[in-house]
């Protein structure tokens, strides 16, 4: 029986098969890279706000403690946003006539909240509790980055599941003494992992529980 296909067809077939495999692999890699990029996660992208509040000025230069504005962070799942009255405690006397702060004064006069743009926004199917992280020695910096260096605030990390699990599987890399949770500049005097393993026992942290699905998905 005469040969139907030219011998070169075998080569073309092999190239097509292997090419398809590499194309699919490259496509999956590209999609994964896009999913982790700031285009999707918004990590590293400063958010414009109704009032250009600067954490660098307030928390960094003035040294205002996180808890002055985020009053519920130690006792509640939500850190809380400051009431306009909190802003006016200072700005009724400092920069009291600044045009930039007119939205703050208008909010105080009308009792209407400022429409802040949320920076850290987890999906609705994720349960996150600020207070338990604070009580277990997780510093603000671990999740929010050096906000004391941010003019307009941005999301420092991806906040994706793989990022959360990296910490939940190896919490000793992030644990610190409770009195240092709100410090932006704290650094361990000894090796972080050694200190973290000691604090795992002190805080009674069960790593198996941290990686249980129901811990974050309820």
Protein backbone atom coordinates (compact mmCIF):
# COMPACT_ATOMS: atom_id res chain seq x y z
CA UNK A 1 0.00 0.00 0.00
CA UNK A 2 1.49 3.36 -0.98
CA UNK A 3 2.42 5.77 1.85
CA UNK A 4 -0.37 8.30 2.34
CA UNK A 5 1.54 10.90 4.41
CA UNK A 6 5.00 12.25 3.83
CA UNK A 7 7.57 11.13 6.44
CA UNK A 8 7.91 14.74 7.60
CA UNK A 9 4.37 14.45 9.00
CA UNK A 10 5.71 12.42 11.92
CA UNK A 11 8.04 15.27 12.86
CA UNK A 12 5.26 17.81 12.53
CA UNK A 13 3.03 15.69 14.75
CA UNK A 14 5.66 15.44 17.48
CA UNK A 15 6.38 19.15 17.32
CA UNK A 16 2.65 19.92 17.49
CA UNK A 17 2.10 17.66 20.51
CA UNK A 18 5.09 18.96 22.45
CA UNK A 19 4.35 22.51 21.35
CA UNK A 20 0.80 22.21 22.64
CA UNK A 21 2.08 20.96 26.02
CA UNK A 22 4.49 23.88 26.35
CA UNK A 23 1.82 26.33 25.17
CA UNK A 24 -0.65 25.10 27.78
CA UNK A 25 2.03 25.20 30.49
CA UNK A 26 3.05 28.74 29.48
CA UNK A 27 -0.57 29.85 29.45
CA UNK A 28 -1.18 28.45 32.94
CA UNK A 29 2.02 30.10 34.20
CA UNK A 30 0.96 33.41 32.67
CA UNK A 31 -2.49 33.23 34.24
CA UNK A 32 -0.95 32.43 37.63
CA UNK A 33 1.43 35.38 37.29
CA UNK A 34 -1.44 37.71 36.39
CA UNK A 35 -3.48 36.41 39.33
CA UNK A 36 -0.61 37.29 41.69
CA UNK A 37 0.09 40.66 40.10
CA UNK A 38 -0.98 44.04 41.42
CA UNK A 39 -3.40 44.24 38.47
CA UNK A 40 -5.54 41.67 40.28
CA UNK A 41 -4.51 42.03 43.93
CA UNK A 42 -3.98 45.83 43.98
CA UNK A 43 -0.89 45.24 46.13
CA UNK A 44 1.41 48.24 46.10
CA UNK A 45 -1.18 50.53 44.50
CA UNK A 46 -1.87 53.67 46.54
CA UNK A 47 -5.58 54.47 46.84
CA UNK A 48 -6.94 57.96 46.34
CA UNK A 49 -9.11 59.01 49.26
CA UNK A 50 -11.68 61.79 49.82
CA UNK A 51 -9.09 63.32 52.17
CA UNK A 52 -5.39 62.58 51.50
CA UNK A 53 -4.71 61.14 54.94
CA UNK A 54 -1.02 60.38 55.45
CA UNK A 55 -0.02 57.54 57.76
CA UNK A 56 3.56 58.64 57.21
CA UNK A 57 2.80 61.99 58.82
CA UNK A 58 0.49 60.82 61.58
CA UNK A 59 1.96 57.43 62.55
CA UNK A 60 5.53 58.04 61.42
CA UNK A 61 6.45 61.67 62.01
CA UNK A 62 4.02 62.39 64.85
CA UNK A 63 4.23 58.90 66.35
CA UNK A 64 0.48 58.50 66.92
CA UNK A 65 -0.31 54.99 68.12
CA UNK A 66 -2.44 52.83 65.80
CA UNK A 67 -5.00 52.37 68.55
CA UNK A 68 -5.79 56.07 68.78
CA UNK A 69 -7.69 55.80 65.49
CA UNK A 70 -8.29 52.05 65.22
CA UNK A 71 -9.84 51.74 68.65
CA UNK A 72 -11.43 48.30 68.25
CA UNK A 73 -8.38 46.44 66.97
CA UNK A 74 -7.62 44.73 70.31
CA UNK A 75 -11.16 43.58 71.08
CA UNK A 76 -13.01 43.17 67.78
CA UNK A 77 -12.78 41.37 64.47
CA UNK A 78 -12.63 44.78 62.82
CA UNK A 79 -9.96 47.37 63.54
CA UNK A 80 -12.52 50.11 62.99
CA UNK A 81 -12.24 53.48 61.28
CA UNK A 82 -11.99 56.60 63.43
CA UNK A 83 -15.08 58.72 63.88
CA UNK A 84 -14.76 62.23 62.48
CA UNK A 85 -14.75 63.44 66.08
CA UNK A 86 -11.38 61.71 66.49
CA UNK A 87 -9.96 63.74 63.62
CA UNK A 88 -11.45 66.94 64.99
CA UNK A 89 -9.85 66.40 68.39
CA UNK A 90 -6.73 67.80 66.75
CA UNK A 91 -7.99 69.51 63.62
CA UNK A 92 -10.37 71.83 65.41
CA UNK A 93 -7.15 73.59 66.41
CA UNK A 94 -4.48 72.43 63.94
CA UNK A 95 -4.98 73.24 60.25
CA UNK A 96 -8.50 74.23 61.26
CA UNK A 97 -9.03 76.33 58.14
CA UNK A 98 -7.22 74.14 55.61
CA UNK A 99 -9.25 73.67 52.39
CA UNK A 100 -7.88 70.13 52.16
CA UNK A 101 -9.66 69.25 55.42
CA UNK A 102 -13.04 70.73 54.48
CA UNK A 103 -14.54 67.22 53.92
CA UNK A 104 -13.60 66.41 57.53
CA UNK A 105 -15.24 69.57 58.86
CA UNK A 106 -18.30 68.98 56.67
CA UNK A 107 -18.60 65.44 58.01
CA UNK A 108 -18.45 66.77 61.57
CA UNK A 109 -21.07 69.47 60.88
CA UNK A 110 -23.52 67.16 59.12
CA UNK A 111 -22.82 63.96 61.06
CA UNK A 112 -22.31 62.17 57.73
CA UNK A 113 -19.44 59.71 57.54
CA UNK A 114 -16.60 60.30 55.09
CA UNK A 115 -16.75 57.82 52.22
CA UNK A 116 -13.28 56.36 52.66
CA UNK A 117 -12.05 53.93 49.98
CA UNK A 118 -11.33 50.56 51.55
CA UNK A 119 -7.73 49.44 51.02
CA UNK A 120 -7.67 45.98 52.63
CA UNK A 121 -10.77 44.14 51.48
CA UNK A 122 -10.98 40.38 51.95
CA UNK A 123 -13.63 38.31 50.12
CA UNK A 124 -16.92 37.81 51.96
CA UNK A 125 -16.22 34.08 52.35
CA UNK A 126 -13.10 34.74 54.43
CA UNK A 127 -13.31 35.29 58.19
CA UNK A 128 -10.55 37.44 59.65
CA UNK A 129 -10.35 38.60 63.24
CA UNK A 130 -7.99 41.45 64.14
CA UNK A 131 -8.16 40.90 67.90
CA UNK A 132 -6.99 37.27 67.83
CA UNK A 133 -3.98 38.21 65.70
CA UNK A 134 -3.08 41.02 68.10
CA UNK A 135 -3.45 38.76 71.13
CA UNK A 136 -1.26 36.10 69.49
CA UNK A 137 1.56 38.54 68.83
CA UNK A 138 1.17 39.33 65.14
CA UNK A 139 2.41 42.86 64.48
CA UNK A 140 0.55 45.33 62.30
CA UNK A 141 3.59 45.38 60.00
CA UNK A 142 3.20 41.68 59.15
CA UNK A 143 -0.01 42.33 57.23
CA UNK A 144 -0.09 46.06 56.57
CA UNK A 145 3.58 46.75 55.96
CA UNK A 146 5.33 49.94 57.06
CA UNK A 147 2.31 52.20 57.04
CA UNK A 148 4.41 54.76 58.88
CA UNK A 149 6.22 55.28 55.57
CA UNK A 150 3.10 55.57 53.41
CA UNK A 151 1.66 58.91 52.38
CA UNK A 152 -1.42 57.51 50.67
CA UNK A 153 -2.05 54.01 52.00
CA UNK A 154 -1.65 50.95 49.83
CA UNK A 155 -2.10 47.23 50.34
CA UNK A 156 1.35 45.87 51.14
CA UNK A 157 0.67 42.17 50.48
CA UNK A 158 -1.47 40.19 48.05
CA UNK A 159 -3.90 39.00 50.79
CA UNK A 160 -4.42 35.88 48.70
CA UNK A 161 -4.93 32.49 50.31
CA UNK A 162 -1.38 31.30 49.62
CA UNK A 163 -0.04 34.39 51.41
CA UNK A 164 -2.21 33.74 54.48
CA UNK A 165 -1.24 30.06 54.56
CA UNK A 166 2.46 30.90 54.44
CA UNK A 167 2.05 32.56 57.82
CA UNK A 168 -0.39 30.03 59.24
CA UNK A 169 1.97 27.17 58.41
CA UNK A 170 5.03 28.95 59.81
CA UNK A 171 3.75 31.46 62.40
CA UNK A 172 7.08 31.52 64.27
CA UNK A 173 8.48 33.75 61.52
CA UNK A 174 6.08 36.53 62.45
CA UNK A 175 5.43 36.29 66.20
CA UNK A 176 6.59 39.08 68.51
CA UNK A 177 5.98 40.08 72.14
CA UNK A 178 2.49 41.51 72.63
CA UNK A 179 3.86 44.84 73.81
CA UNK A 180 5.58 45.22 70.44
CA UNK A 181 2.59 44.42 68.23
CA UNK A 182 1.95 48.07 67.36
CA UNK A 183 5.60 49.03 66.91
CA UNK A 184 6.61 49.77 63.35
CA UNK A 185 10.35 49.57 63.96
CA UNK A 186 10.66 46.58 66.33
CA UNK A 187 13.21 43.91 65.48
CA UNK A 188 14.03 40.79 67.54
CA UNK A 189 17.20 40.88 69.64
CA UNK A 190 17.69 37.18 68.91
CA UNK A 191 16.94 34.98 65.91
CA UNK A 192 13.30 35.47 64.86
CA UNK A 193 12.59 31.75 64.40
CA UNK A 194 14.03 30.90 67.83
CA UNK A 195 11.95 33.64 69.46
CA UNK A 196 8.89 32.61 67.45
CA UNK A 197 9.11 29.00 68.61
CA UNK A 198 9.25 30.15 72.21
CA UNK A 199 6.22 32.38 71.69
CA UNK A 200 4.29 29.53 70.04
CA UNK A 201 4.28 27.84 73.43
CA UNK A 202 3.67 31.05 75.36
CA UNK A 203 0.65 31.95 73.22
CA UNK A 204 -0.58 28.33 73.07
CA UNK A 205 -0.77 28.34 69.25
CA UNK A 206 -1.84 25.12 67.55
CA UNK A 207 -0.49 25.14 63.98
CA UNK A 208 -2.80 22.28 62.98
CA UNK A 209 -5.77 24.45 63.92
CA UNK A 210 -4.38 27.40 61.95
CA UNK A 211 -4.35 25.33 58.75
CA UNK A 212 -7.84 23.91 59.25
CA UNK A 213 -10.22 25.17 56.55
CA UNK A 214 -12.89 26.14 59.09
CA UNK A 215 -10.52 28.59 60.79
CA UNK A 216 -10.91 31.09 57.98
CA UNK A 217 -13.89 29.73 56.02
CA UNK A 218 -17.01 29.53 58.19
